Amino acid sequence: MKRIFFLILSIPLLLVGCHKDPPDTPPVVTVDFPSANSTFNVIDTVNFKVRITDDEDILNLKISLQDDAFTPVGNSQNWSINLRSATINDFFLINQPSLPSGNYYLVFEVTDNRDYTKKFVPITLYGIPKRLTNVILFTTNSQTTSIEILDTALQSINSIIFNSQFQDGMASSYQQNIFYLSQNGQLSVLDAETQGYYWSESNLNTLSHDYLGHLTTKNPYVLVPYNCCIRTYGNNGTFYRTYTIPAVEQRPVISFVSGNYLFVVTKPYINTPSRMYKYYFNTNVLADSYMLDYSFDPTTIIQANDDKIFIFGNIQGETKLYEYYFADNIVSTVDGLPAGSFYDAVKIDDQRTLISIDGNIYQLNPLTYSMININPALHGYNLDYNFLDNTIWLANGNELFVYTYPLYQQVGHIVTTDSIAKTGLLFNHD
């Protein structure tokens, strides 16, 4: 009887064993560069190339920094893949100015549906202190635009005048350049150290569209609007690549690069919905597009955290905020925002973003969507943040205010002749 009982129990067990899923093969990861024991600074851009293959779709590549005890330090970045084979040639930003010199690891973690693979690349960091070198103000009146270059004490060093109206501008610490785009489509690039002209490109706005002309500086390219597309130029002004907007009624307004993707948000000429277009940045192939609302006027994009980006804008003078989720590949609306018009936004960290609505400053938590008016006395239509000393910079009319964060004690203030259209903080790169 005992033998029969044993056989009866064994049959179901064998049947269950026959229906197990096949074993998963972890992703195969090859890091072409950086090579082992490469050296970088504590705030530096690490160019990398990684090749990944798997027997099923690869979900995600995550790059992080760990110390020699394998403890995570600093930031991390994610790239969505959703392919069985991929080569990612991009860059990772080490953004921790307080890290001491020493030995670290760049960690390349690749995940699929059931498994993951980690590659550890040893590197050496040198703690060359980062510092704020200049404050750049783009000021404008009804006839001219000026680039005001200040030192860290907010004293004027130089003033460069353009006989054109301001469209957009920014200072690139990585490229050590100052970019100015006029309303008539003239892009002027200045060397930040000498403040002399570096290169320029004209007729970028040949159809005279009234869009923002947002610039995004990424190593080693600058993205500028041109008719119904985004043009890409190298750091020396060499034309590189065009990203074409498929719908002719849409014009590009703002653009943003995250990982291997370029996001472009458009504003339509006619009564049609605005759209967000998602391109593979290194190939300019359109990956996807998402319909937004009618009459949406986008103002800026920030990457809220590793999970999503925020698209700020307005509909008929009222706030509108969309979020795009990398993992789910969907766009949704954030509700319950204060009434008024969005003007600007700046990221503090993954749990804090400052935004300007009608000049009032709010703090938004990207995880809980809670929003508070941090200090009713603070006002600013253009925002910036100095991560080295934790100060926020608010431009309000022709006044610039500097406050500590998060205590909001005023530590700086200047008054300019013309209205401040935009600010930029320029840090050393070496």
Protein backbone atom coordinates (compact mmCIF):
# COMPACT_ATOMS: atom_id res chain seq x y z
CA MET A 1 0.00 0.00 0.00
CA LYS A 2 2.80 2.35 0.74
CA ARG A 3 4.27 1.93 -2.73
CA ILE A 4 0.93 2.59 -4.43
CA PHE A 5 0.35 5.68 -2.34
CA PHE A 6 3.77 7.02 -3.27
CA LEU A 7 3.17 6.53 -6.98
CA ILE A 8 -0.17 8.29 -6.87
CA LEU A 9 1.41 11.35 -5.26
CA SER A 10 4.33 11.37 -7.65
CA ILE A 11 2.30 11.56 -10.85
CA PRO A 12 0.85 15.04 -10.19
CA LEU A 13 4.26 16.29 -9.14
CA LEU A 14 5.78 15.08 -12.39
CA LEU A 15 2.98 16.67 -14.39
CA VAL A 16 3.48 20.01 -12.65
CA GLY A 17 7.21 19.83 -13.32
CA CYS A 18 6.61 19.26 -17.02
CA HIS A 19 4.72 22.59 -17.32
CA LYS A 20 7.37 24.90 -15.87
CA ASP A 21 8.32 27.95 -17.91
CA PRO A 22 11.61 27.66 -19.76
CA PRO A 23 14.54 29.19 -17.88
CA ASP A 24 15.20 32.84 -18.56
CA THR A 25 18.46 33.94 -20.16
CA PRO A 26 19.75 37.16 -18.59
CA PRO A 27 20.52 40.06 -20.94
CA VAL A 28 24.00 40.09 -22.48
CA VAL A 29 25.65 43.46 -21.90
CA THR A 30 28.84 44.73 -23.55
CA VAL A 31 30.26 48.14 -22.60
CA ASP A 32 32.46 49.44 -25.42
CA PHE A 33 33.36 52.63 -23.57
CA PRO A 34 34.25 54.13 -21.19
CA SER A 35 37.11 51.75 -20.60
CA ALA A 36 38.03 50.49 -17.15
CA ASN A 37 39.93 52.95 -14.94
CA SER A 38 39.00 56.02 -17.01
CA THR A 39 39.20 59.32 -15.12
CA PHE A 40 36.47 61.94 -14.77
CA ASN A 41 35.62 65.00 -12.70
CA VAL A 42 32.95 65.13 -9.99
CA ILE A 43 30.67 67.00 -12.37
CA ASP A 44 31.35 65.61 -15.79
CA THR A 45 29.68 64.12 -18.83
CA VAL A 46 30.58 60.45 -19.42
CA ASN A 47 30.12 59.39 -23.01
CA PHE A 48 29.28 55.69 -23.22
CA LYS A 49 28.40 53.00 -25.72
CA VAL A 50 26.68 49.81 -24.59
CA ARG A 51 25.44 46.88 -26.69
CA ILE A 52 22.60 44.75 -25.32
CA THR A 53 20.97 41.53 -26.55
CA ASP A 54 18.41 39.19 -24.98
CA ASP A 55 16.00 36.36 -25.82
CA GLU A 56 13.05 38.63 -24.98
CA ASP A 57 12.34 42.35 -25.00
CA ILE A 58 14.76 44.40 -22.94
CA LEU A 59 12.83 46.82 -20.78
CA ASN A 60 15.32 49.28 -19.41
CA LEU A 61 18.93 50.37 -19.09
CA LYS A 62 19.87 52.10 -15.84
CA ILE A 63 23.25 53.73 -15.24
CA SER A 64 24.27 54.68 -11.72
CA LEU A 65 27.37 55.53 -9.74
CA GLN A 66 28.64 53.48 -6.78
CA ASP A 67 31.62 54.00 -4.50
CA ASP A 68 34.33 51.40 -3.89
CA ALA A 69 32.12 49.78 -1.22
CA PHE A 70 29.37 49.34 -3.87
CA THR A 71 27.15 51.91 -2.15
CA PRO A 72 25.05 54.03 -4.56
CA VAL A 73 26.10 57.69 -4.64
CA GLY A 74 24.87 60.53 -6.78
CA ASN A 75 22.32 60.33 -9.52
CA SER A 76 21.08 57.63 -11.88
CA GLN A 77 19.63 57.73 -15.41
CA ASN A 78 17.24 55.39 -17.23
CA TRP A 79 16.73 54.55 -20.89
CA SER A 80 13.61 52.69 -22.06
CA ILE A 81 14.42 50.13 -24.79
CA ASN A 82 11.61 47.58 -25.50
CA LEU A 83 13.72 45.72 -28.09
CA ARG A 84 15.61 42.42 -28.07
CA SER A 85 18.78 44.04 -29.33
CA ALA A 86 19.95 47.61 -28.93
CA THR A 87 23.05 49.77 -29.08
CA ILE A 88 22.89 52.90 -26.97
CA ASN A 89 25.51 55.58 -27.61
CA ASP A 90 24.75 58.43 -25.24
CA PHE A 91 26.06 60.17 -22.14
CA PHE A 92 25.67 59.99 -18.37
CA LEU A 93 26.00 63.10 -16.23
CA ILE A 94 27.91 62.85 -12.95
CA ASN A 95 26.32 65.72 -11.04
CA GLN A 96 27.75 65.45 -7.54
CA PRO A 97 30.15 68.35 -6.82
CA SER A 98 30.76 67.18 -3.24
CA LEU A 99 32.08 63.69 -4.07
CA PRO A 100 35.67 63.18 -2.88
CA SER A 101 38.40 62.01 -5.20
CA GLY A 102 38.72 58.25 -5.36
CA ASN A 103 37.69 55.00 -7.00
CA TYR A 104 34.11 54.44 -8.12
CA TYR A 105 32.06 52.19 -10.37
CA LEU A 106 29.77 53.04 -13.25
CA VAL A 107 27.03 50.42 -13.01
CA PHE A 108 25.15 49.42 -16.19
CA GLU A 109 22.00 47.50 -15.15
CA VAL A 110 19.83 45.98 -17.87
CA THR A 111 16.46 44.38 -17.08
CA ASP A 112 13.99 42.27 -19.02
CA ASN A 113 10.66 40.86 -17.83
CA ARG A 114 12.23 38.28 -15.53
CA ASP A 115 15.91 38.96 -14.97
CA TYR A 116 18.68 41.53 -15.02
CA THR A 117 22.39 41.87 -15.70
CA LYS A 118 24.81 44.30 -14.10
CA LYS A 119 28.15 45.43 -15.50
CA PHE A 120 30.58 47.27 -13.24
CA VAL A 121 33.12 49.58 -14.89
CA PRO A 122 35.73 50.95 -12.46
CA ILE A 123 36.50 54.65 -12.87
CA THR A 124 38.44 57.31 -10.97
CA LEU A 125 36.94 60.65 -9.99
CA TYR A 126 38.94 63.76 -9.28
CA GLY A 127 37.21 66.20 -6.98
CA ILE A 128 37.91 69.39 -8.86
CA PRO A 129 35.50 71.83 -7.18
CA LYS A 130 32.76 73.21 -9.35
CA ARG A 131 32.08 76.92 -9.11
CA LEU A 132 29.71 79.48 -10.51
CA THR A 133 31.67 81.64 -12.94
CA ASN A 134 29.08 84.01 -14.42
CA VAL A 135 25.43 84.99 -14.33
CA ILE A 136 23.91 85.57 -17.76
CA LEU A 137 20.88 87.85 -18.15
CA PHE A 138 18.95 88.24 -21.40
CA THR A 139 17.25 91.64 -21.12
CA THR A 140 14.94 93.19 -23.69
CA ASN A 141 12.95 96.30 -24.56
CA SER A 142 10.78 97.14 -27.55
CA GLN A 143 13.78 97.54 -29.89
CA THR A 144 16.87 95.69 -28.67
CA THR A 145 18.05 92.69 -26.66
CA SER A 146 21.11 92.70 -24.40
CA ILE A 147 23.14 89.84 -22.98
CA GLU A 148 24.30 91.10 -19.60
CA ILE A 149 27.27 89.14 -18.21
CA LEU A 150 27.73 89.43 -14.44
CA ASP A 151 30.27 88.06 -11.99
CA THR A 152 29.26 86.07 -8.92
CA ALA A 153 28.85 89.29 -6.92
CA LEU A 154 26.27 90.39 -9.53
CA GLN A 155 28.57 93.11 -10.86
CA SER A 156 28.46 93.79 -14.60
CA ILE A 157 31.39 92.53 -16.68
CA ASN A 158 30.11 93.03 -20.20
CA SER A 159 26.98 93.94 -22.14
CA ILE A 160 26.37 92.70 -25.70
CA ILE A 161 23.55 94.43 -27.59
CA PHE A 162 21.51 92.96 -30.47
CA ASN A 163 19.23 95.06 -32.66
CA SER A 164 16.53 92.38 -32.58
CA GLN A 165 13.77 91.06 -30.35
CA PHE A 166 14.43 88.23 -27.92
CA GLN A 167 12.99 84.78 -28.68
CA ASP A 168 15.04 82.50 -26.43
CA GLY A 169 18.51 82.00 -25.06
CA MET A 170 20.58 79.97 -22.64
CA ALA A 171 24.05 79.45 -21.21
CA SER A 172 25.70 76.05 -21.65
CA SER A 173 28.21 75.15 -18.95
CA TYR A 174 29.23 72.00 -20.78
CA GLN A 175 29.89 73.76 -24.10
CA GLN A 176 30.95 77.03 -22.43
CA ASN A 177 28.80 78.93 -24.90
CA ILE A 178 26.01 81.49 -24.73
CA PHE A 179 23.11 81.01 -27.19
CA TYR A 180 20.76 83.77 -28.33
CA LEU A 181 17.84 83.26 -30.72
CA SER A 182 16.03 86.32 -32.08
CA GLN A 183 12.45 86.51 -33.25
CA ASN A 184 13.60 86.86 -36.86
CA GLY A 185 15.34 83.48 -36.70
CA GLN A 186 18.97 84.47 -36.12
CA LEU A 187 20.92 82.14 -33.83
CA SER A 188 24.05 83.74 -32.36
CA VAL A 189 26.56 81.69 -30.38
CA LEU A 190 29.13 83.40 -28.17
CA ASP A 191 32.22 82.00 -26.49
CA ALA A 192 31.49 82.27 -22.78
CA GLU A 193 35.09 82.99 -21.76
CA THR A 194 35.84 85.75 -24.26
CA GLN A 195 32.19 86.76 -24.88
CA GLY A 196 33.09 87.07 -28.55
CA TYR A 197 31.06 85.65 -31.44
CA TYR A 198 31.70 81.98 -32.09
CA TRP A 199 29.30 81.17 -34.94
CA SER A 200 25.80 82.09 -36.15
CA GLU A 201 22.98 80.76 -38.31
CA SER A 202 20.28 82.84 -39.93
CA ASN A 203 16.83 82.28 -41.47
CA LEU A 204 15.86 79.68 -38.89
CA ASN A 205 12.39 81.20 -38.66
CA THR A 206 11.69 81.89 -42.32
CA LEU A 207 7.90 81.56 -41.96
CA SER A 208 7.87 84.11 -39.10
CA HIS A 209 6.05 81.82 -36.68
CA ASP A 210 5.45 83.25 -33.26
CA TYR A 211 6.73 80.30 -31.23
CA LEU A 212 9.06 80.17 -28.27
CA GLY A 213 12.13 78.82 -30.02
CA HIS A 214 13.33 76.81 -27.06
CA LEU A 215 16.97 75.72 -27.19
CA THR A 216 18.27 72.50 -25.69
CA THR A 217 22.03 72.07 -25.40
CA LYS A 218 23.21 68.46 -25.33
CA ASN A 219 26.69 67.21 -25.93
CA PRO A 220 27.65 68.07 -28.56
CA TYR A 221 24.56 69.49 -30.27
CA VAL A 222 22.17 72.41 -30.05
CA LEU A 223 18.54 71.99 -31.15
CA VAL A 224 16.73 74.92 -32.75
CA PRO A 225 13.29 75.25 -34.41
CA TYR A 226 13.12 75.71 -38.15
CA ASN A 227 9.75 75.93 -39.92
CA CYS A 228 8.05 72.57 -39.28
CA CYS A 229 11.06 70.73 -37.89
CA ILE A 230 13.88 70.81 -35.36
CA ARG A 231 17.38 71.32 -36.71
CA THR A 232 20.50 70.03 -34.97
CA TYR A 233 23.86 71.80 -35.09
CA GLY A 234 27.21 70.71 -33.72
CA ASN A 235 29.14 72.78 -31.24
CA ASN A 236 31.09 74.45 -34.06
CA GLY A 237 27.97 75.30 -36.06
CA THR A 238 28.07 72.30 -38.42
CA PHE A 239 24.61 71.17 -39.50
CA TYR A 240 23.97 67.67 -38.18
CA ARG A 241 20.40 66.38 -38.43
CA THR A 242 16.75 67.38 -38.95
CA TYR A 243 13.74 66.06 -37.02
CA THR A 244 10.68 66.58 -39.21
CA ILE A 245 7.21 67.19 -37.75
CA PRO A 246 4.85 64.85 -39.68
CA ALA A 247 1.76 67.11 -39.52
CA VAL A 248 2.20 70.33 -41.48
CA GLU A 249 -0.30 72.19 -39.30
CA GLN A 250 1.94 71.70 -36.25
CA ARG A 251 4.92 73.92 -35.42
CA PRO A 252 7.61 72.94 -32.89
CA VAL A 253 7.63 75.01 -29.72
CA ILE A 254 9.73 73.26 -27.09
CA SER A 255 12.16 70.33 -27.24
CA PHE A 256 13.83 68.15 -24.67
CA VAL A 257 16.32 65.26 -24.75
CA SER A 258 16.14 62.42 -22.22
CA GLY A 259 18.32 59.35 -22.64
CA ASN A 260 17.98 58.09 -26.20
CA TYR A 261 14.86 60.12 -27.00
CA LEU A 262 14.03 63.61 -28.21
CA PHE A 263 10.63 64.99 -27.21
CA VAL A 264 9.12 67.84 -29.25
CA VAL A 265 5.86 69.53 -28.25
CA THR A 266 4.04 71.45 -30.96
CA LYS A 267 1.45 74.17 -31.24
CA PRO A 268 -0.94 73.96 -34.20
CA TYR A 269 -1.54 76.72 -36.74
CA ILE A 270 -5.22 75.91 -37.01
CA ASN A 271 -7.90 74.53 -34.68
CA THR A 272 -6.36 71.10 -34.15
CA PRO A 273 -4.90 69.47 -31.04
CA SER A 274 -1.32 70.05 -30.00
CA ARG A 275 0.96 67.00 -30.07
CA MET A 276 4.04 65.55 -28.46
CA TYR A 277 6.40 63.76 -30.84
CA LYS A 278 8.95 61.26 -29.58
CA TYR A 279 12.03 60.59 -31.73
CA TYR A 280 15.02 58.30 -31.42
CA PHE A 281 17.58 61.02 -30.85
CA ASN A 282 20.53 59.28 -32.53
CA THR A 283 18.61 58.34 -35.69
CA ASN A 284 15.82 61.01 -35.96
CA VAL A 285 13.29 58.18 -36.52
CA LEU A 286 9.84 58.95 -35.09
CA ALA A 287 9.14 56.51 -32.25
CA ASP A 288 5.66 57.69 -31.27
CA SER A 289 3.32 60.67 -31.05
CA TYR A 290 0.68 61.67 -28.53
CA MET A 291 -2.33 63.91 -28.94
CA LEU A 292 -2.70 66.69 -26.38
CA ASP A 293 -5.53 69.23 -26.06
CA TYR A 294 -6.85 71.91 -28.39
CA SER A 295 -5.40 75.40 -27.90
CA PHE A 296 -2.54 74.05 -25.75
CA ASP A 297 0.36 76.52 -25.59
CA PRO A 298 3.45 74.72 -24.19
CA THR A 299 6.00 76.67 -22.16
CA THR A 300 8.68 74.27 -20.87
CA ILE A 301 9.62 70.63 -20.24
CA ILE A 302 11.55 69.17 -17.33
CA GLN A 303 12.41 65.60 -16.35
CA ALA A 304 10.61 65.22 -13.05
CA ASN A 305 12.43 61.99 -12.09
CA ASP A 306 13.52 58.68 -13.60
CA ASP A 307 9.88 57.74 -14.25
CA LYS A 308 8.46 60.69 -16.14
CA ILE A 309 8.74 64.11 -17.71
CA PHE A 310 6.46 67.08 -17.12
CA ILE A 311 5.12 69.28 -19.94
CA PHE A 312 4.02 72.69 -18.66
CA GLY A 313 1.78 75.03 -20.61
CA ASN A 314 -1.49 76.89 -20.79
CA ILE A 315 -4.89 76.65 -22.43
CA GLN A 316 -6.53 80.04 -22.94
CA GLY A 317 -4.53 81.55 -20.10
CA GLU A 318 -5.06 78.72 -17.60
CA THR A 319 -2.50 76.22 -16.33
CA LYS A 320 -2.16 72.82 -17.97
CA LEU A 321 0.29 70.07 -17.01
CA TYR A 322 0.90 66.74 -18.75
CA GLU A 323 3.13 63.92 -17.58
CA TYR A 324 4.74 61.29 -19.78
CA TYR A 325 5.61 57.94 -18.16
CA PHE A 326 8.69 56.24 -19.62
CA ALA A 327 7.74 52.71 -18.53
CA ASP A 328 4.06 52.85 -19.52
CA ASN A 329 4.68 55.00 -22.62
CA ILE A 330 1.56 57.09 -22.00
CA VAL A 331 0.70 60.76 -21.54
CA SER A 332 -1.78 61.80 -18.85
CA THR A 333 -3.06 65.02 -17.29
CA VAL A 334 -2.25 66.33 -13.83
CA ASP A 335 -5.35 67.95 -12.34
CA GLY A 336 -5.99 70.25 -9.40
CA LEU A 337 -3.47 72.97 -10.27
CA PRO A 338 -3.81 76.59 -9.14
CA ALA A 339 -5.59 78.88 -11.57
CA GLY A 340 -3.46 81.22 -13.64
CA SER A 341 -0.75 80.96 -16.30
CA PHE A 342 2.42 78.86 -16.20
CA TYR A 343 5.59 80.82 -16.82
CA ASP A 344 8.54 78.63 -15.87
CA ALA A 345 9.65 75.56 -13.92
CA VAL A 346 12.95 74.33 -12.48
CA LYS A 347 13.80 70.97 -10.91
CA ILE A 348 15.37 70.91 -7.45
CA ASP A 349 15.50 67.12 -7.05
CA ASP A 350 13.31 64.07 -7.68
CA GLN A 351 10.80 65.16 -5.04
CA ARG A 352 10.76 68.93 -5.53
CA THR A 353 10.06 71.11 -8.53
CA LEU A 354 9.54 74.87 -8.37
CA ILE A 355 7.07 76.45 -10.78
CA SER A 356 5.89 79.97 -11.49
CA ILE A 357 2.15 80.55 -11.93
CA ASP A 358 1.32 84.21 -12.54
CA GLY A 359 4.68 84.98 -10.95
CA ASN A 360 3.79 83.22 -7.70
CA ILE A 361 6.22 80.44 -6.73
CA TYR A 362 4.86 76.98 -5.93
CA GLN A 363 6.62 73.78 -4.94
CA LEU A 364 5.33 70.65 -6.66
CA ASN A 365 6.08 67.13 -5.47
CA PRO A 366 6.28 64.98 -8.64
CA LEU A 367 5.47 61.82 -6.65
CA THR A 368 2.40 62.96 -4.71
CA TYR A 369 1.37 65.97 -6.87
CA SER A 370 0.99 68.05 -3.73
CA MET A 371 1.60 71.73 -4.35
CA ILE A 372 2.18 74.55 -1.91
CA ASN A 373 2.77 78.26 -2.26
CA ILE A 374 6.18 78.32 -0.59
CA ASN A 375 6.26 82.01 0.29
CA PRO A 376 3.63 84.54 -0.84
CA ALA A 377 6.25 87.29 -0.76
CA LEU A 378 8.38 85.65 -3.47
CA HIS A 379 7.66 86.47 -7.13
CA GLY A 380 9.41 85.53 -10.34
CA TYR A 381 8.56 84.79 -13.97
CA ASN A 382 11.87 83.12 -14.82
CA LEU A 383 13.44 80.60 -12.43
CA ASP A 384 16.89 79.11 -12.00
CA TYR A 385 18.61 76.98 -9.36
CA ASN A 386 22.25 76.85 -8.24
CA PHE A 387 22.85 73.29 -7.03
CA LEU A 388 26.26 74.20 -5.57
CA ASP A 389 25.00 76.54 -2.86
CA ASN A 390 21.27 75.73 -2.92
CA THR A 391 20.02 79.12 -4.05
CA ILE A 392 17.05 79.93 -6.26
CA TRP A 393 17.15 82.82 -8.74
CA LEU A 394 13.95 84.70 -9.57
CA ALA A 395 13.63 87.27 -12.36
CA ASN A 396 10.66 89.59 -11.95
CA GLY A 397 10.41 92.45 -14.46
CA ASN A 398 13.75 94.27 -14.35
CA GLU A 399 14.73 92.82 -10.95
CA LEU A 400 16.74 89.69 -10.11
CA PHE A 401 16.42 88.16 -6.64
CA VAL A 402 18.55 85.41 -5.10
CA TYR A 403 17.26 83.37 -2.14
CA THR A 404 18.61 80.49 -0.12
CA TYR A 405 16.71 77.22 -0.48
CA PRO A 406 14.66 76.06 1.36
CA LEU A 407 14.84 78.86 3.97
CA TYR A 408 14.22 81.63 1.38
CA GLN A 409 16.51 84.23 2.88
CA GLN A 410 17.44 86.91 0.38
CA VAL A 411 21.17 86.93 -0.41
CA GLY A 412 21.25 88.91 -3.64
CA HIS A 413 19.32 91.53 -5.62
CA ILE A 414 19.99 93.73 -8.66
CA VAL A 415 17.94 96.04 -10.88
CA THR A 416 18.49 96.17 -14.65
CA THR A 417 17.56 98.86 -17.15
CA ASP A 418 15.44 96.58 -19.33
CA SER A 419 13.13 93.70 -18.50
CA ILE A 420 14.81 90.35 -17.79
CA ALA A 421 13.50 87.80 -20.30
CA LYS A 422 15.65 84.90 -19.11
CA THR A 423 18.52 84.04 -16.78
CA GLY A 424 21.35 81.54 -17.07
CA LEU A 425 23.94 80.29 -14.58
CA LEU A 426 27.32 79.46 -16.09
CA PHE A 427 29.60 77.02 -14.25
CA ASN A 428 33.16 76.01 -15.00
CA HIS A 429 33.57 72.83 -17.03
CA ASP A 430 37.16 71.74 -16.38
